[in-house]
Amino acid sequence: MASSPEAQHQLTELLTQCFDALKVYGKEPEQVVNLIKVFVMVLGDYTFEQVHAAFRTYLKQSNELPAPSDIVKIIEPPPPVYSSAMYVQIKKNLREGNVFVTDEEKAYVRAYEKQELAKVRGGTERYRDAQSQLEDHRLAMAHD
């Protein structure tokens, strides 16, 4: 959209309509020009069709003017955050062997490990703590 004057014109019309129709809390009409520039800067890598569809989704849920980041989050939703507690429980079930573990739960384990290892080399403190809990569980099972 950044290189398309037509798409920028369409975005300008959309933002002007939103500015007129939605709650904007303290913004003055003169600020629309800068508002449009920021939206073009942030949303420039997307097509107008993507941006328009994201606005439609946003406006079905809110009556306030969105921030550019609100629209980006709709176009590119952030990845889910996986729970260390759920990870530990599934891993325990896998080790014990007497509890059926679904393919979705196994995928959850892989996704959690990927999430945590991606944060920092060697994993996060939460990941290391989860691994420690699992090691304690393994040792407890070995003594039984």
Protein backbone atom coordinates (compact mmCIF):
# COMPACT_ATOMS: atom_id res chain seq x y z
CA MET A 1 0.00 0.00 0.00
CA ALA A 2 2.96 2.32 0.63
CA SER A 3 3.70 2.54 -3.09
CA SER A 4 0.10 2.81 -4.28
CA PRO A 5 -1.42 6.30 -4.37
CA GLU A 6 -4.85 4.76 -5.04
CA ALA A 7 -4.61 2.52 -1.97
CA GLN A 8 -3.46 5.48 0.13
CA HIS A 9 -6.43 7.49 -1.13
CA GLN A 10 -8.77 4.64 -0.16
CA LEU A 11 -7.15 4.46 3.29
CA THR A 12 -7.51 8.23 3.65
CA GLU A 13 -11.23 7.97 2.91
CA LEU A 14 -11.63 5.09 5.34
CA LEU A 15 -9.79 6.90 8.14
CA THR A 16 -11.71 10.11 7.54
CA GLN A 17 -15.00 8.20 7.77
CA CYS A 18 -13.84 6.48 10.95
CA PHE A 19 -12.68 9.78 12.44
CA ASP A 20 -16.13 11.24 11.79
CA ALA A 21 -18.11 8.21 12.99
CA LEU A 22 -16.13 6.78 15.92
CA LYS A 23 -15.07 7.93 19.37
CA VAL A 24 -11.70 9.68 19.07
CA TYR A 25 -11.23 11.12 22.60
CA GLY A 26 -9.65 14.53 22.38
CA LYS A 27 -8.40 14.46 18.81
CA GLU A 28 -8.98 17.54 16.71
CA PRO A 29 -9.96 17.37 13.01
CA GLU A 30 -6.63 18.98 12.08
CA GLN A 31 -4.89 15.85 13.39
CA VAL A 32 -6.37 13.62 10.68
CA VAL A 33 -3.48 14.43 8.32
CA ASN A 34 -0.88 13.12 10.77
CA LEU A 35 -3.11 10.20 11.69
CA ILE A 36 -3.24 9.16 8.03
CA LYS A 37 0.56 9.45 7.68
CA VAL A 38 1.11 7.15 10.67
CA PHE A 39 -1.39 4.60 9.37
CA VAL A 40 0.29 4.61 5.94
CA MET A 41 3.71 4.21 7.57
CA VAL A 42 2.64 1.27 9.75
CA LEU A 43 0.27 -0.44 7.32
CA GLY A 44 2.24 0.27 4.15
CA ASP A 45 3.37 -3.34 3.72
CA TYR A 46 -0.21 -4.60 3.46
CA THR A 47 -2.72 -4.32 0.65
CA PHE A 48 -5.71 -2.05 1.05
CA GLU A 49 -7.92 -5.15 0.87
CA GLN A 50 -6.15 -6.64 3.91
CA VAL A 51 -6.40 -3.36 5.82
CA HIS A 52 -10.05 -2.86 4.88
CA ALA A 53 -10.96 -6.39 5.99
CA ALA A 54 -9.12 -5.84 9.29
CA PHE A 55 -10.98 -2.56 9.84
CA ARG A 56 -14.28 -4.36 9.25
CA THR A 57 -13.33 -6.96 11.85
CA TYR A 58 -12.21 -4.29 14.32
CA LEU A 59 -15.31 -2.12 13.85
CA LYS A 60 -17.60 -5.07 14.57
CA GLN A 61 -16.10 -5.16 18.06
CA SER A 62 -15.34 -1.52 18.89
CA ASN A 63 -16.75 1.97 18.44
CA GLU A 64 -13.39 3.71 18.98
CA LEU A 65 -10.82 4.69 16.40
CA PRO A 66 -8.25 1.89 16.21
CA ALA A 67 -4.52 2.34 16.55
CA PRO A 68 -2.46 1.07 13.63
CA SER A 69 -1.21 -1.76 15.86
CA ASP A 70 -4.81 -2.91 16.39
CA ILE A 71 -5.14 -3.41 12.65
CA VAL A 72 -1.76 -5.17 12.39
CA LYS A 73 -2.79 -7.59 15.17
CA ILE A 74 -5.87 -8.55 13.16
CA ILE A 75 -3.92 -9.04 9.93
CA GLU A 76 -1.06 -10.85 11.69
CA PRO A 77 -2.35 -12.23 14.98
CA PRO A 78 0.34 -12.75 17.59
CA PRO A 79 1.24 -16.37 18.24
CA PRO A 80 -0.54 -18.05 21.13
CA VAL A 81 1.20 -18.10 24.50
CA TYR A 82 1.61 -21.60 25.88
CA SER A 83 1.42 -22.35 29.61
CA SER A 84 4.28 -23.96 31.51
CA ALA A 85 1.78 -25.58 33.90
CA MET A 86 -0.02 -27.28 31.01
CA TYR A 87 3.33 -28.31 29.53
CA VAL A 88 4.43 -29.95 32.80
CA GLN A 89 1.11 -31.79 33.18
CA ILE A 90 1.22 -33.21 29.65
CA LYS A 91 4.86 -34.23 30.02
CA LYS A 92 4.05 -35.99 33.31
CA ASN A 93 1.19 -37.83 31.62
CA LEU A 94 3.52 -38.88 28.82
CA ARG A 95 6.08 -40.22 31.29
CA GLU A 96 3.60 -42.07 33.46
CA GLY A 97 2.22 -43.86 30.44
CA ASN A 98 -1.13 -44.74 32.03
CA VAL A 99 -2.89 -41.62 30.73
CA PHE A 100 -3.89 -41.22 27.09
CA VAL A 101 -2.18 -38.18 25.56
CA THR A 102 -3.74 -36.78 22.39
CA ASP A 103 -1.87 -35.64 19.30
CA GLU A 104 -2.99 -32.09 20.14
CA GLU A 105 -1.36 -32.34 23.56
CA LYS A 106 1.85 -33.66 22.02
CA ALA A 107 1.77 -30.73 19.58
CA TYR A 108 1.24 -28.41 22.58
CA VAL A 109 4.44 -29.78 24.16
CA ARG A 110 6.41 -29.14 20.97
CA ALA A 111 4.92 -25.66 20.58
CA TYR A 112 5.71 -24.75 24.20
CA GLU A 113 9.31 -25.91 23.84
CA LYS A 114 9.67 -23.98 20.59
CA GLN A 115 8.14 -20.87 22.21
CA GLU A 116 10.47 -20.94 25.18
CA LEU A 117 13.63 -21.88 23.32
CA ALA A 118 13.01 -19.10 20.81
CA LYS A 119 13.09 -16.47 23.54
CA VAL A 120 16.71 -16.93 24.58
CA ARG A 121 19.40 -19.49 23.94
CA GLY A 122 18.91 -22.27 26.47
CA GLY A 123 15.33 -21.26 27.21
CA THR A 124 13.71 -18.97 29.68
CA GLU A 125 13.64 -19.22 33.45
CA ARG A 126 10.07 -20.61 33.17
CA TYR A 127 11.28 -23.29 30.75
CA ARG A 128 14.20 -24.25 33.00
CA ASP A 129 11.82 -24.38 35.97
CA ALA A 130 9.46 -26.63 34.02
CA GLN A 131 12.37 -28.89 33.12
CA SER A 132 13.39 -29.00 36.79
CA GLN A 133 9.85 -30.01 37.81
CA LEU A 134 9.91 -32.76 35.21
CA GLU A 135 13.28 -34.02 36.44
CA ASP A 136 11.92 -34.14 40.00
CA HIS A 137 8.93 -36.08 38.68
CA ARG A 138 11.20 -38.51 36.81
CA LEU A 139 13.24 -39.13 39.95
CA ALA A 140 10.09 -39.66 42.03
CA MET A 141 8.82 -42.18 39.49
CA ALA A 142 12.17 -44.01 39.53
CA HIS A 143 11.93 -44.47 43.31
CA ASP A 144 8.38 -45.92 43.14
